[in-house]
């Protein structure tokens, strides 16, 4: 996949993760995109390690989106644990 596809998947997966886990988050669109990109990489890696499948196959594959969203939810939860405590 191209870098533009990774950015687009990251932006959308990060936004979906924030919609699934509502609450106040520090950061805006760039942080959401970074959470989504890192989440996509994490989700792809976890899919490969746990299920022994290559879960990042292409932009329009359902497995790519599921891996990116699940990974983004995990990264967002970690982000809230680490960064959320600093703002209090």
PDB file of N, CA and C in Angstrom:
ATOM      1  N   UNK A   1       0.844  -1.178   0.000  1.00  0.00           N
ATOM      2  CA  UNK A   1       0.000   0.000   0.000  1.00  0.00           C
ATOM      3  C   UNK A   1       0.883   1.233   0.000  1.00  0.00           C
ATOM      4  N   UNK A   2       0.372   2.291  -0.552  1.00  0.00           N
ATOM      5  CA  UNK A   2       1.131   3.527  -0.609  1.00  0.00           C
ATOM      6  C   UNK A   2       0.999   4.286   0.708  1.00  0.00           C
ATOM      7  N   UNK A   3       1.829   5.278   0.868  1.00  0.00           N
ATOM      8  CA  UNK A   3       1.818   6.080   2.098  1.00  0.00           C
ATOM      9  C   UNK A   3       0.501   6.835   2.240  1.00  0.00           C
ATOM     10  N   UNK A   4      -0.095   7.243   1.141  1.00  0.00           N
ATOM     11  CA  UNK A   4      -1.376   7.952   1.197  1.00  0.00           C
ATOM     12  C   UNK A   4      -2.473   7.007   1.699  1.00  0.00           C
ATOM     13  N   UNK A   5      -2.428   5.759   1.282  1.00  0.00           N
ATOM     14  CA  UNK A   5      -3.402   4.779   1.767  1.00  0.00           C
ATOM     15  C   UNK A   5      -3.229   4.545   3.260  1.00  0.00           C
ATOM     16  N   UNK A   6      -1.980   4.454   3.728  1.00  0.00           N
ATOM     17  CA  UNK A   6      -1.728   4.280   5.172  1.00  0.00           C
ATOM     18  C   UNK A   6      -2.260   5.474   5.955  1.00  0.00           C
ATOM     19  N   UNK A   7      -2.060   6.689   5.438  1.00  0.00           N
ATOM     20  CA  UNK A   7      -2.543   7.887   6.133  1.00  0.00           C
ATOM     21  C   UNK A   7      -4.067   7.890   6.170  1.00  0.00           C
ATOM     22  N   UNK A   8      -4.696   7.536   5.056  1.00  0.00           N
ATOM     23  CA  UNK A   8      -6.159   7.513   5.003  1.00  0.00           C
ATOM     24  C   UNK A   8      -6.730   6.446   5.929  1.00  0.00           C
ATOM     25  N   UNK A   9      -6.159   5.252   5.907  1.00  0.00           N
ATOM     26  CA  UNK A   9      -6.602   4.200   6.825  1.00  0.00           C
ATOM     27  C   UNK A   9      -6.374   4.632   8.265  1.00  0.00           C
ATOM     28  N   UNK A  10      -5.229   5.255   8.532  1.00  0.00           N
ATOM     29  CA  UNK A  10      -4.937   5.725   9.885  1.00  0.00           C
ATOM     30  C   UNK A  10      -5.924   6.755  10.373  1.00  0.00           C
ATOM     31  N   UNK A  11      -6.259   7.699   9.514  1.00  0.00           N
ATOM     32  CA  UNK A  11      -7.206   8.743   9.895  1.00  0.00           C
ATOM     33  C   UNK A  11      -8.586   8.144  10.181  1.00  0.00           C
ATOM     34  N   UNK A  12      -9.048   7.271   9.304  1.00  0.00           N
ATOM     35  CA  UNK A  12     -10.366   6.679   9.489  1.00  0.00           C
ATOM     36  C   UNK A  12     -10.399   5.685  10.654  1.00  0.00           C
ATOM     37  N   UNK A  13      -9.382   4.855  10.774  1.00  0.00           N
ATOM     38  CA  UNK A  13      -9.348   3.889  11.885  1.00  0.00           C
ATOM     39  C   UNK A  13      -9.231   4.605  13.225  1.00  0.00           C
ATOM     40  N   UNK A  14      -8.432   5.664  13.283  1.00  0.00           N
ATOM     41  CA  UNK A  14      -8.321   6.444  14.513  1.00  0.00           C
ATOM     42  C   UNK A  14      -9.631   7.117  14.878  1.00  0.00           C
ATOM     43  N   UNK A  15     -10.338   7.646  13.874  1.00  0.00           N
ATOM     44  CA  UNK A  15     -11.633   8.278  14.133  1.00  0.00           C
ATOM     45  C   UNK A  15     -12.656   7.247  14.592  1.00  0.00           C
ATOM     46  N   UNK A  16     -12.651   6.062  13.993  1.00  0.00           N
ATOM     47  CA  UNK A  16     -13.577   5.006  14.419  1.00  0.00           C
ATOM     48  C   UNK A  16     -13.249   4.552  15.838  1.00  0.00           C
ATOM     49  N   UNK A  17     -11.958   4.444  16.156  1.00  0.00           N
ATOM     50  CA  UNK A  17     -11.561   4.056  17.515  1.00  0.00           C
ATOM     51  C   UNK A  17     -12.025   5.093  18.530  1.00  0.00           C
ATOM     52  N   UNK A  18     -11.900   6.393  18.177  1.00  0.00           N
ATOM     53  CA  UNK A  18     -12.376   7.433  19.095  1.00  0.00           C
ATOM     54  C   UNK A  18     -13.888   7.411  19.224  1.00  0.00           C
ATOM     55  N   UNK A  19     -14.594   7.018  18.162  1.00  0.00           N
ATOM     56  CA  UNK A  19     -16.053   6.914  18.242  1.00  0.00           C
ATOM     57  C   UNK A  19     -16.464   5.716  19.096  1.00  0.00           C
ATOM     58  N   UNK A  20     -15.701   4.631  19.041  1.00  0.00           N
ATOM     59  CA  UNK A  20     -16.005   3.450  19.852  1.00  0.00           C
ATOM     60  C   UNK A  20     -15.674   3.668  21.321  1.00  0.00           C
ATOM     61  N   UNK A  21     -14.701   4.544  21.589  1.00  0.00           N
ATOM     62  CA  UNK A  21     -14.288   4.843  22.965  1.00  0.00           C
ATOM     63  C   UNK A  21     -14.464   6.340  23.216  1.00  0.00           C
ATOM     64  N   UNK A  22     -15.698   6.793  23.413  1.00  0.00           N
ATOM     65  CA  UNK A  22     -15.909   8.229  23.578  1.00  0.00           C
ATOM     66  C   UNK A  22     -15.280   8.744  24.870  1.00  0.00           C
ATOM     67  N   UNK A  23     -14.933   9.998  24.836  1.00  0.00           N
ATOM     68  CA  UNK A  23     -14.339  10.641  25.997  1.00  0.00           C
ATOM     69  C   UNK A  23     -13.446  11.774  25.547  1.00  0.00           C
ATOM     70  N   UNK A  24     -12.927  12.496  26.499  1.00  0.00           N
ATOM     71  CA  UNK A  24     -12.057  13.621  26.180  1.00  0.00           C
ATOM     72  C   UNK A  24     -10.650  13.115  25.912  1.00  0.00           C
ATOM     73  N   UNK A  25     -10.119  13.506  24.768  1.00  0.00           N
ATOM     74  CA  UNK A  25      -8.767  13.118  24.392  1.00  0.00           C
ATOM     75  C   UNK A  25      -7.965  14.357  24.048  1.00  0.00           C
ATOM     76  N   UNK A  26      -6.745  14.435  24.545  1.00  0.00           N
ATOM     77  CA  UNK A  26      -5.877  15.501  24.082  1.00  0.00           C
ATOM     78  C   UNK A  26      -5.422  15.190  22.661  1.00  0.00           C
ATOM     79  N   UNK A  27      -5.244  16.198  21.873  1.00  0.00           N
ATOM     80  CA  UNK A  27      -4.784  15.993  20.500  1.00  0.00           C
ATOM     81  C   UNK A  27      -5.917  16.152  19.510  1.00  0.00           C
ATOM     82  N   UNK A  28      -5.548  16.423  18.290  1.00  0.00           N
ATOM     83  CA  UNK A  28      -6.540  16.643  17.256  1.00  0.00           C
ATOM     84  C   UNK A  28      -6.425  15.628  16.141  1.00  0.00           C
ATOM     85  N   UNK A  29      -6.540  16.123  14.930  1.00  0.00           N
ATOM     86  CA  UNK A  29      -6.571  15.271  13.747  1.00  0.00           C
ATOM     87  C   UNK A  29      -5.249  14.531  13.534  1.00  0.00           C
ATOM     88  N   UNK A  30      -4.140  15.196  13.786  1.00  0.00           N
ATOM     89  CA  UNK A  30      -2.827  14.567  13.573  1.00  0.00           C
ATOM     90  C   UNK A  30      -2.617  13.429  14.568  1.00  0.00           C
ATOM     91  N   UNK A  31      -2.972  13.643  15.818  1.00  0.00           N
ATOM     92  CA  UNK A  31      -2.838  12.591  16.831  1.00  0.00           C
ATOM     93  C   UNK A  31      -3.759  11.425  16.496  1.00  0.00           C
ATOM     94  N   UNK A  32      -4.980  11.719  16.038  1.00  0.00           N
ATOM     95  CA  UNK A  32      -5.909  10.663  15.635  1.00  0.00           C
ATOM     96  C   UNK A  32      -5.317   9.838  14.501  1.00  0.00           C
ATOM     97  N   UNK A  33      -4.711  10.513  13.530  1.00  0.00           N
ATOM     98  CA  UNK A  33      -4.111   9.824  12.396  1.00  0.00           C
ATOM     99  C   UNK A  33      -2.931   8.969  12.842  1.00  0.00           C
ATOM    100  N   UNK A  34      -2.094   9.484  13.721  1.00  0.00           N
ATOM    101  CA  UNK A  34      -0.955   8.716  14.218  1.00  0.00           C
ATOM    102  C   UNK A  34      -1.402   7.506  15.032  1.00  0.00           C
ATOM    103  N   UNK A  35      -2.435   7.694  15.845  1.00  0.00           N
ATOM    104  CA  UNK A  35      -2.987   6.568  16.606  1.00  0.00           C
ATOM    105  C   UNK A  35      -3.505   5.505  15.639  1.00  0.00           C
ATOM    106  N   UNK A  36      -4.168   5.923  14.579  1.00  0.00           N
ATOM    107  CA  UNK A  36      -4.681   4.975  13.597  1.00  0.00           C
ATOM    108  C   UNK A  36      -3.593   4.238  12.840  1.00  0.00           C
ATOM    109  N   UNK A  37      -2.529   4.948  12.454  1.00  0.00           N
ATOM    110  CA  UNK A  37      -1.428   4.312  11.723  1.00  0.00           C
ATOM    111  C   UNK A  37      -0.702   3.320  12.615  1.00  0.00           C
ATOM    112  N   UNK A  38      -0.383   3.738  13.833  1.00  0.00           N
ATOM    113  CA  UNK A  38       0.275   2.826  14.772  1.00  0.00           C
ATOM    114  C   UNK A  38      -0.656   1.672  15.114  1.00  0.00           C
ATOM    115  N   UNK A  39      -1.944   1.958  15.258  1.00  0.00           N
ATOM    116  CA  UNK A  39      -2.917   0.909  15.531  1.00  0.00           C
ATOM    117  C   UNK A  39      -3.026  -0.088  14.393  1.00  0.00           C
ATOM    118  N   UNK A  40      -2.954   0.395  13.162  1.00  0.00           N
ATOM    119  CA  UNK A  40      -2.974  -0.506  12.013  1.00  0.00           C
ATOM    120  C   UNK A  40      -1.773  -1.423  11.988  1.00  0.00           C
ATOM    121  N   UNK A  41      -0.620  -0.874  12.291  1.00  0.00           N
ATOM    122  CA  UNK A  41       0.587  -1.698  12.349  1.00  0.00           C
ATOM    123  C   UNK A  41       0.506  -2.707  13.489  1.00  0.00           C
ATOM    124  N   UNK A  42       0.032  -2.243  14.644  1.00  0.00           N
ATOM    125  CA  UNK A  42      -0.118  -3.149  15.788  1.00  0.00           C
ATOM    126  C   UNK A  42      -1.144  -4.237  15.486  1.00  0.00           C
ATOM    127  N   UNK A  43      -2.269  -3.866  14.902  1.00  0.00           N
ATOM    128  CA  UNK A  43      -3.295  -4.843  14.573  1.00  0.00           C
ATOM    129  C   UNK A  43      -2.808  -5.868  13.556  1.00  0.00           C
ATOM    130  N   UNK A  44      -2.058  -5.411  12.565  1.00  0.00           N
ATOM    131  CA  UNK A  44      -1.491  -6.336  11.589  1.00  0.00           C
ATOM    132  C   UNK A  44      -0.496  -7.293  12.210  1.00  0.00           C
ATOM    133  N   UNK A  45       0.330  -6.762  13.113  1.00  0.00           N
ATOM    134  CA  UNK A  45       1.314  -7.599  13.789  1.00  0.00           C
ATOM    135  C   UNK A  45       0.629  -8.616  14.694  1.00  0.00           C
ATOM    136  N   UNK A  46      -0.379  -8.170  15.452  1.00  0.00           N
ATOM    137  CA  UNK A  46      -1.103  -9.087  16.331  1.00  0.00           C
ATOM    138  C   UNK A  46      -1.830 -10.169  15.540  1.00  0.00           C
ATOM    139  N   UNK A  47      -2.409  -9.791  14.410  1.00  0.00           N
ATOM    140  CA  UNK A  47      -3.072 -10.780  13.568  1.00  0.00           C
ATOM    141  C   UNK A  47      -2.108 -11.830  13.053  1.00  0.00           C
ATOM    142  N   UNK A  48      -0.896 -11.387  12.741  1.00  0.00           N
ATOM    143  CA  UNK A  48       0.114 -12.323  12.241  1.00  0.00           C
ATOM    144  C   UNK A  48       0.619 -13.233  13.356  1.00  0.00           C
ATOM    145  N   UNK A  49       0.824 -12.683  14.538  1.00  0.00           N
ATOM    146  CA  UNK A  49       1.369 -13.456  15.655  1.00  0.00           C
ATOM    147  C   UNK A  49       0.318 -14.391  16.249  1.00  0.00           C
ATOM    148  N   UNK A  50      -0.884 -13.893  16.486  1.00  0.00           N
ATOM    149  CA  UNK A  50      -1.904 -14.677  17.174  1.00  0.00           C
ATOM    150  C   UNK A  50      -2.609 -15.657  16.232  1.00  0.00           C
ATOM    151  N   UNK A  51      -3.023 -15.168  15.055  1.00  0.00           N
ATOM    152  CA  UNK A  51      -3.840 -15.988  14.158  1.00  0.00           C
ATOM    153  C   UNK A  51      -3.059 -16.551  12.975  1.00  0.00           C
ATOM    154  N   UNK A  52      -1.806 -16.205  12.857  1.00  0.00           N
ATOM    155  CA  UNK A  52      -0.939 -16.680  11.777  1.00  0.00           C
ATOM    156  C   UNK A  52      -1.499 -16.359  10.393  1.00  0.00           C
ATOM    157  N   UNK A  53      -2.084 -15.158  10.261  1.00  0.00           N
ATOM    158  CA  UNK A  53      -2.587 -14.691   8.972  1.00  0.00           C
ATOM    159  C   UNK A  53      -1.984 -13.337   8.677  1.00  0.00           C
ATOM    160  N   UNK A  54      -1.867 -13.034   7.414  1.00  0.00           N
ATOM    161  CA  UNK A  54      -1.406 -11.714   7.008  1.00  0.00           C
ATOM    162  C   UNK A  54      -2.632 -10.821   6.914  1.00  0.00           C
ATOM    163  N   UNK A  55      -2.886 -10.044   7.964  1.00  0.00           N
ATOM    164  CA  UNK A  55      -4.145  -9.322   8.068  1.00  0.00           C
ATOM    165  C   UNK A  55      -4.149  -7.989   7.344  1.00  0.00           C
ATOM    166  N   UNK A  56      -3.009  -7.518   6.878  1.00  0.00           N
ATOM    167  CA  UNK A  56      -2.989  -6.268   6.127  1.00  0.00           C
ATOM    168  C   UNK A  56      -2.721  -6.631   4.676  1.00  0.00           C
ATOM    169  N   UNK A  57      -3.809  -6.829   3.913  1.00  0.00           N
ATOM    170  CA  UNK A  57      -3.682  -7.318   2.551  1.00  0.00           C
ATOM    171  C   UNK A  57      -3.902  -6.248   1.502  1.00  0.00           C
ATOM    172  N   UNK A  58      -4.632  -5.231   1.787  1.00  0.00           N
ATOM    173  CA  UNK A  58      -4.908  -4.186   0.823  1.00  0.00           C
ATOM    174  C   UNK A  58      -5.922  -3.218   1.392  1.00  0.00           C
ATOM    175  N   UNK A  59      -6.076  -2.106   0.730  1.00  0.00           N
ATOM    176  CA  UNK A  59      -6.929  -1.034   1.230  1.00  0.00           C
ATOM    177  C   UNK A  59      -8.384  -1.467   1.370  1.00  0.00           C
ATOM    178  N   UNK A  60      -8.896  -2.252   0.442  1.00  0.00           N
ATOM    179  CA  UNK A  60     -10.317  -2.587   0.447  1.00  0.00           C
ATOM    180  C   UNK A  60     -10.631  -3.925   1.100  1.00  0.00           C
ATOM    181  N   UNK A  61      -9.659  -4.578   1.696  1.00  0.00           N
ATOM    182  CA  UNK A  61      -9.906  -5.841   2.374  1.00  0.00           C
ATOM    183  C   UNK A  61     -10.446  -5.584   3.781  1.00  0.00           C
ATOM    184  N   UNK A  62     -11.451  -6.352   4.155  1.00  0.00           N
ATOM    185  CA  UNK A  62     -12.069  -6.202   5.475  1.00  0.00           C
ATOM    186  C   UNK A  62     -11.075  -6.492   6.591  1.00  0.00           C
ATOM    187  N   UNK A  63     -10.179  -7.444   6.366  1.00  0.00           N
ATOM    188  CA  UNK A  63      -9.201  -7.794   7.404  1.00  0.00           C
ATOM    189  C   UNK A  63      -8.263  -6.628   7.708  1.00  0.00           C
ATOM    190  N   UNK A  64      -7.959  -5.824   6.707  1.00  0.00           N
ATOM    191  CA  UNK A  64      -7.112  -4.649   6.925  1.00  0.00           C
ATOM    192  C   UNK A  64      -7.799  -3.662   7.852  1.00  0.00           C
ATOM    193  N   UNK A  65      -9.068  -3.413   7.602  1.00  0.00           N
ATOM    194  CA  UNK A  65      -9.810  -2.448   8.406  1.00  0.00           C
ATOM    195  C   UNK A  65     -10.055  -2.960   9.823  1.00  0.00           C
ATOM    196  N   UNK A  66     -10.376  -4.229   9.962  1.00  0.00           N
ATOM    197  CA  UNK A  66     -10.586  -4.792  11.301  1.00  0.00           C
ATOM    198  C   UNK A  66      -9.297  -4.732  12.108  1.00  0.00           C
ATOM    199  N   UNK A  67      -8.180  -5.100  11.488  1.00  0.00           N
ATOM    200  CA  UNK A  67      -6.894  -5.051  12.184  1.00  0.00           C
ATOM    201  C   UNK A  67      -6.547  -3.618  12.577  1.00  0.00           C
ATOM    202  N   UNK A  68      -6.782  -2.671  11.685  1.00  0.00           N
ATOM    203  CA  UNK A  68      -6.470  -1.268  11.980  1.00  0.00           C
ATOM    204  C   UNK A  68      -7.341  -0.719  13.095  1.00  0.00           C
ATOM    205  N   UNK A  69      -8.613  -1.052  13.093  1.00  0.00           N
ATOM    206  CA  UNK A  69      -9.521  -0.532  14.124  1.00  0.00           C
ATOM    207  C   UNK A  69      -9.236  -1.162  15.475  1.00  0.00           C
ATOM    208  N   UNK A  70      -9.041  -2.470  15.518  1.00  0.00           N
ATOM    209  CA  UNK A  70      -8.731  -3.138  16.798  1.00  0.00           C
ATOM    210  C   UNK A  70      -7.405  -2.616  17.341  1.00  0.00           C
ATOM    211  N   UNK A  71      -6.412  -2.508  16.495  1.00  0.00           N
ATOM    212  CA  UNK A  71      -5.122  -1.960  16.927  1.00  0.00           C
ATOM    213  C   UNK A  71      -5.243  -0.523  17.395  1.00  0.00           C
ATOM    214  N   UNK A  72      -6.079   0.268  16.715  1.00  0.00           N
ATOM    215  CA  UNK A  72      -6.267   1.669  17.099  1.00  0.00           C
ATOM    216  C   UNK A  72      -6.956   1.798  18.456  1.00  0.00           C
ATOM    217  N   UNK A  73      -7.897   0.922  18.741  1.00  0.00           N
ATOM    218  CA  UNK A  73      -8.565   0.936  20.051  1.00  0.00           C
ATOM    219  C   UNK A  73      -7.547   0.623  21.150  1.00  0.00           C
ATOM    220  N   UNK A  74      -6.672  -0.344  20.889  1.00  0.00           N
ATOM    221  CA  UNK A  74      -5.630  -0.695  21.867  1.00  0.00           C
ATOM    222  C   UNK A  74      -4.681   0.477  22.079  1.00  0.00           C
ATOM    223  N   UNK A  75      -4.236   1.092  20.978  1.00  0.00           N
ATOM    224  CA  UNK A  75      -3.301   2.226  21.087  1.00  0.00           C
ATOM    225  C   UNK A  75      -3.978   3.408  21.766  1.00  0.00           C
ATOM    226  N   UNK A  76      -5.248   3.656  21.461  1.00  0.00           N
ATOM    227  CA  UNK A  76      -5.972   4.759  22.094  1.00  0.00           C
ATOM    228  C   UNK A  76      -6.115   4.532  23.593  1.00  0.00           C
ATOM    229  N   UNK A  77      -6.385   3.300  24.001  1.00  0.00           N
ATOM    230  CA  UNK A  77      -6.483   2.996  25.436  1.00  0.00           C
ATOM    231  C   UNK A  77      -5.138   3.236  26.120  1.00  0.00           C
ATOM    232  N   UNK A  78      -4.053   2.806  25.499  1.00  0.00           N
ATOM    233  CA  UNK A  78      -2.719   3.056  26.059  1.00  0.00           C
ATOM    234  C   UNK A  78      -2.405   4.546  26.086  1.00  0.00           C
ATOM    235  N   UNK A  79      -2.790   5.250  25.043  1.00  0.00           N
ATOM    236  CA  UNK A  79      -2.568   6.697  24.962  1.00  0.00           C
ATOM    237  C   UNK A  79      -3.302   7.425  26.094  1.00  0.00           C
ATOM    238  N   UNK A  80      -4.534   6.999  26.347  1.00  0.00           N
ATOM    239  CA  UNK A  80      -5.304   7.635  27.433  1.00  0.00           C
ATOM    240  C   UNK A  80      -4.681   7.324  28.801  1.00  0.00           C
ATOM    241  N   UNK A  81      -4.156   6.116  28.971  1.00  0.00           N
ATOM    242  CA  UNK A  81      -3.517   5.773  30.241  1.00  0.00           C
ATOM    243  C   UNK A  81      -2.273   6.610  30.475  1.00  0.00           C
ATOM    244  N   UNK A  82      -1.464   6.789  29.436  1.00  0.00           N
ATOM    245  CA  UNK A  82      -0.203   7.502  29.583  1.00  0.00           C
ATOM    246  C   UNK A  82      -0.359   9.011  29.555  1.00  0.00           C
ATOM    247  N   UNK A  83      -1.070   9.543  28.583  1.00  0.00           N
ATOM    248  CA  UNK A  83      -1.178  10.987  28.399  1.00  0.00           C
ATOM    249  C   UNK A  83      -2.292  11.573  29.249  1.00  0.00           C
ATOM    250  N   UNK A  84      -3.374  10.829  29.448  1.00  0.00           N
ATOM    251  CA  UNK A  84      -4.509  11.330  30.208  1.00  0.00           C
ATOM    252  C   UNK A  84      -4.159  11.669  31.640  1.00  0.00           C
ATOM    253  N   UNK A  85      -3.240  10.934  32.236  1.00  0.00           N
ATOM    254  CA  UNK A  85      -2.828  11.188  33.621  1.00  0.00           C
ATOM    255  C   UNK A  85      -1.988  12.450  33.741  1.00  0.00           C
ATOM    256  N   UNK A  86      -1.314  12.847  32.708  1.00  0.00           N
ATOM    257  CA  UNK A  86      -0.489  14.063  32.759  1.00  0.00           C
ATOM    258  C   UNK A  86      -1.325  15.323  32.822  1.00  0.00           C
ATOM    259  N   UNK A  87      -2.510  15.298  32.224  1.00  0.00           N
ATOM    260  CA  UNK A  87      -3.343  16.493  32.158  1.00  0.00           C
ATOM    261  C   UNK A  87      -4.157  16.714  33.433  1.00  0.00           C
ATOM    262  N   UNK A  88      -4.165  15.781  34.343  1.00  0.00           N
ATOM    263  CA  UNK A  88      -4.964  15.923  35.565  1.00  0.00           C
ATOM    264  C   UNK A  88      -4.188  16.567  36.657  1.00  0.00           C
TER     265      UNK A  88
END
